[in-house]
Amino acid sequence: MRTDGQSLRWLVQKWFGSAPARGIRVTRTIPVKSKPFRGVCVETTQSDRDLVIFFFRHDDGSWSVLPPSARRPMFSVCV
């Protein structure tokens, strides 16, 4: 599933629907040095079951359910 450049609101409506039964609760998370992911946890209750999805924010400002790829050391050669 491609969600490049999508807003968090658009993704929440896509995954949870436009009118969840008991509302949506968004919990911000604080990045930890060992896991520098930025994101939010979105929760709701539908049909007597809890639905929780974690959305990750990428460096380009887009949101996704997939975490950003790990940064790897790079080098370049100038000739």
N, C-alpha and C. Protein backbone atom coordinates (compact mmCIF):
# COMPACT_ATOMS: atom_id res chain seq x y z
N MET A 1 0.83 -1.16 0.00
CA MET A 1 0.00 0.00 0.00
C MET A 1 0.88 1.23 0.00
N ARG A 2 0.65 2.13 -0.92
CA ARG A 2 1.41 3.36 -1.02
C ARG A 2 0.65 4.50 -0.39
N THR A 3 1.30 5.18 0.52
CA THR A 3 0.67 6.34 1.17
C THR A 3 1.62 7.53 1.15
N ASP A 4 2.49 7.61 0.15
CA ASP A 4 3.47 8.69 0.09
C ASP A 4 2.78 10.05 0.09
N GLY A 5 3.22 10.91 0.99
CA GLY A 5 2.73 12.27 1.04
C GLY A 5 1.34 12.44 1.61
N GLN A 6 0.78 11.42 2.22
CA GLN A 6 -0.56 11.51 2.77
C GLN A 6 -0.51 12.12 4.18
N SER A 7 -1.56 12.84 4.51
CA SER A 7 -1.63 13.44 5.84
C SER A 7 -2.05 12.38 6.86
N LEU A 8 -1.80 12.68 8.12
CA LEU A 8 -2.20 11.78 9.19
C LEU A 8 -3.73 11.65 9.23
N ARG A 9 -4.43 12.75 9.05
CA ARG A 9 -5.90 12.72 9.05
C ARG A 9 -6.43 11.78 7.97
N TRP A 10 -5.86 11.84 6.77
CA TRP A 10 -6.30 10.99 5.67
C TRP A 10 -6.08 9.52 6.00
N LEU A 11 -4.90 9.20 6.57
CA LEU A 11 -4.61 7.81 6.92
C LEU A 11 -5.52 7.29 8.03
N VAL A 12 -5.80 8.13 9.03
CA VAL A 12 -6.68 7.71 10.12
C VAL A 12 -8.08 7.42 9.57
N GLN A 13 -8.59 8.29 8.68
CA GLN A 13 -9.90 8.04 8.08
C GLN A 13 -9.89 6.78 7.22
N LYS A 14 -8.78 6.53 6.55
CA LYS A 14 -8.69 5.34 5.70
C LYS A 14 -8.72 4.06 6.55
N TRP A 15 -7.95 4.03 7.64
CA TRP A 15 -7.84 2.82 8.46
C TRP A 15 -8.99 2.64 9.43
N PHE A 16 -9.52 3.73 9.98
CA PHE A 16 -10.56 3.64 11.00
C PHE A 16 -11.95 3.94 10.48
N GLY A 17 -12.06 4.48 9.28
CA GLY A 17 -13.37 4.89 8.76
C GLY A 17 -13.67 6.32 9.18
N SER A 18 -14.66 6.91 8.53
CA SER A 18 -14.95 8.32 8.81
C SER A 18 -15.77 8.53 10.07
N ALA A 19 -16.47 7.49 10.55
CA ALA A 19 -17.29 7.64 11.75
C ALA A 19 -17.14 6.44 12.67
N PRO A 20 -16.05 6.37 13.45
CA PRO A 20 -15.89 5.24 14.37
C PRO A 20 -16.96 5.28 15.46
N ALA A 21 -17.26 4.12 16.00
CA ALA A 21 -18.36 3.98 16.97
C ALA A 21 -18.16 4.82 18.22
N ARG A 22 -17.00 4.82 18.80
CA ARG A 22 -16.78 5.51 20.08
C ARG A 22 -15.69 6.57 20.03
N GLY A 23 -15.44 7.14 18.89
CA GLY A 23 -14.44 8.19 18.78
C GLY A 23 -13.02 7.64 18.67
N ILE A 24 -12.11 8.53 18.41
CA ILE A 24 -10.71 8.17 18.21
C ILE A 24 -9.87 8.91 19.25
N ARG A 25 -8.89 8.22 19.81
CA ARG A 25 -7.96 8.83 20.76
C ARG A 25 -6.56 8.77 20.18
N VAL A 26 -5.91 9.91 20.13
CA VAL A 26 -4.54 10.00 19.60
C VAL A 26 -3.59 10.24 20.75
N THR A 27 -2.56 9.40 20.83
CA THR A 27 -1.55 9.53 21.87
C THR A 27 -0.21 9.81 21.20
N ARG A 28 0.39 10.92 21.56
CA ARG A 28 1.72 11.23 21.01
C ARG A 28 2.77 10.41 21.73
N THR A 29 3.80 10.05 21.01
CA THR A 29 4.89 9.32 21.62
C THR A 29 6.14 10.17 21.61
N ILE A 30 7.00 9.92 22.56
CA ILE A 30 8.26 10.65 22.67
C ILE A 30 9.37 9.75 22.12
N PRO A 31 10.17 10.28 21.17
CA PRO A 31 11.24 9.45 20.63
C PRO A 31 12.27 9.07 21.69
N VAL A 32 12.76 7.87 21.60
CA VAL A 32 13.80 7.37 22.48
C VAL A 32 15.08 7.28 21.66
N LYS A 33 16.22 7.56 22.26
CA LYS A 33 17.47 7.56 21.50
C LYS A 33 17.73 6.24 20.80
N SER A 34 17.37 5.13 21.43
CA SER A 34 17.62 3.83 20.80
C SER A 34 16.67 3.57 19.63
N LYS A 35 15.51 4.23 19.64
CA LYS A 35 14.53 4.08 18.55
C LYS A 35 14.06 5.48 18.16
N PRO A 36 14.75 6.12 17.23
CA PRO A 36 14.43 7.51 16.92
C PRO A 36 13.22 7.70 16.01
N PHE A 37 12.19 6.88 16.17
CA PHE A 37 10.99 7.02 15.35
C PHE A 37 10.10 8.10 15.94
N ARG A 38 9.49 8.87 15.07
CA ARG A 38 8.49 9.85 15.50
C ARG A 38 7.14 9.33 15.04
N GLY A 39 6.18 9.41 15.91
CA GLY A 39 4.88 8.92 15.50
C GLY A 39 3.83 9.09 16.55
N VAL A 40 2.64 8.57 16.24
CA VAL A 40 1.52 8.63 17.16
C VAL A 40 0.82 7.28 17.20
N CYS A 41 0.17 7.03 18.31
CA CYS A 41 -0.64 5.83 18.48
C CYS A 41 -2.09 6.28 18.43
N VAL A 42 -2.89 5.66 17.55
CA VAL A 42 -4.29 6.02 17.38
C VAL A 42 -5.13 4.83 17.83
N GLU A 43 -6.10 5.09 18.72
CA GLU A 43 -6.91 4.01 19.30
C GLU A 43 -8.40 4.31 19.15
N THR A 44 -9.20 3.26 19.01
CA THR A 44 -10.65 3.37 19.04
C THR A 44 -11.23 2.03 19.46
N THR A 45 -12.51 2.02 19.79
CA THR A 45 -13.21 0.79 20.11
C THR A 45 -14.35 0.63 19.11
N GLN A 46 -14.37 -0.48 18.40
CA GLN A 46 -15.41 -0.77 17.43
C GLN A 46 -15.93 -2.17 17.65
N SER A 47 -17.23 -2.31 17.75
CA SER A 47 -17.87 -3.62 17.92
C SER A 47 -17.27 -4.38 19.10
N ASP A 48 -17.14 -3.72 20.24
CA ASP A 48 -16.60 -4.34 21.46
C ASP A 48 -15.20 -4.88 21.32
N ARG A 49 -14.41 -4.27 20.46
CA ARG A 49 -13.00 -4.65 20.34
C ARG A 49 -12.18 -3.39 20.18
N ASP A 50 -10.97 -3.42 20.72
CA ASP A 50 -10.06 -2.28 20.62
C ASP A 50 -9.27 -2.39 19.33
N LEU A 51 -9.11 -1.26 18.66
CA LEU A 51 -8.31 -1.20 17.44
C LEU A 51 -7.25 -0.14 17.66
N VAL A 52 -5.98 -0.53 17.56
CA VAL A 52 -4.86 0.36 17.81
C VAL A 52 -3.89 0.26 16.63
N ILE A 53 -3.54 1.42 16.06
CA ILE A 53 -2.58 1.47 14.96
C ILE A 53 -1.55 2.54 15.28
N PHE A 54 -0.29 2.23 15.04
CA PHE A 54 0.79 3.18 15.24
C PHE A 54 1.17 3.76 13.89
N PHE A 55 1.18 5.07 13.77
CA PHE A 55 1.55 5.76 12.53
C PHE A 55 2.92 6.41 12.72
N PHE A 56 3.81 6.20 11.76
CA PHE A 56 5.17 6.74 11.82
C PHE A 56 5.28 7.95 10.92
N ARG A 57 5.98 8.99 11.41
CA ARG A 57 6.25 10.18 10.59
C ARG A 57 7.64 10.03 9.97
N HIS A 58 7.71 10.26 8.67
CA HIS A 58 8.97 10.14 7.94
C HIS A 58 9.63 11.51 7.79
N ASP A 59 10.90 11.52 7.42
CA ASP A 59 11.67 12.76 7.33
C ASP A 59 11.09 13.75 6.31
N ASP A 60 10.39 13.25 5.29
CA ASP A 60 9.80 14.14 4.28
C ASP A 60 8.46 14.71 4.73
N GLY A 61 8.03 14.38 5.96
CA GLY A 61 6.78 14.90 6.50
C GLY A 61 5.58 14.01 6.26
N SER A 62 5.74 12.94 5.50
CA SER A 62 4.62 12.04 5.24
C SER A 62 4.43 11.08 6.40
N TRP A 63 3.26 10.44 6.47
CA TRP A 63 2.92 9.48 7.51
C TRP A 63 2.69 8.12 6.88
N SER A 64 2.98 7.06 7.64
CA SER A 64 2.79 5.70 7.14
C SER A 64 2.65 4.75 8.31
N VAL A 65 2.08 3.57 8.05
CA VAL A 65 2.00 2.54 9.08
C VAL A 65 3.31 1.76 9.14
N LEU A 66 4.19 1.99 8.18
CA LEU A 66 5.51 1.35 8.15
C LEU A 66 6.55 2.32 8.70
N PRO A 67 7.47 1.85 9.54
CA PRO A 67 8.50 2.75 10.08
C PRO A 67 9.47 3.17 8.98
N PRO A 68 10.11 4.33 9.16
CA PRO A 68 11.10 4.75 8.17
C PRO A 68 12.27 3.78 8.15
N SER A 69 12.88 3.67 6.98
CA SER A 69 14.03 2.77 6.88
C SER A 69 15.19 3.35 7.68
N ALA A 70 16.01 2.45 8.18
CA ALA A 70 17.13 2.86 9.02
C ALA A 70 18.15 3.63 8.18
N ARG A 71 18.71 4.65 8.79
CA ARG A 71 19.76 5.41 8.10
C ARG A 71 21.04 4.61 8.17
N ARG A 72 21.68 4.53 7.05
CA ARG A 72 22.94 3.79 6.98
C ARG A 72 24.07 4.75 6.62
N PRO A 73 25.26 4.44 7.08
CA PRO A 73 26.40 5.30 6.72
C PRO A 73 26.61 5.29 5.21
N MET A 74 26.90 6.47 4.68
CA MET A 74 27.13 6.58 3.22
C MET A 74 28.42 7.36 3.00
N PHE A 75 29.02 7.10 1.89
CA PHE A 75 30.18 7.88 1.50
C PHE A 75 30.10 8.08 -0.01
N SER A 76 30.78 9.10 -0.47
CA SER A 76 30.80 9.36 -1.92
C SER A 76 32.25 9.58 -2.33
N VAL A 77 32.47 9.37 -3.59
CA VAL A 77 33.81 9.53 -4.13
C VAL A 77 33.81 10.70 -5.09
N CYS A 78 34.70 11.64 -4.87
CA CYS A 78 34.84 12.78 -5.77
C CYS A 78 36.06 12.54 -6.66
N VAL A 79 35.86 12.69 -7.93
CA VAL A 79 36.96 12.44 -8.87
C VAL A 79 37.40 13.74 -9.49
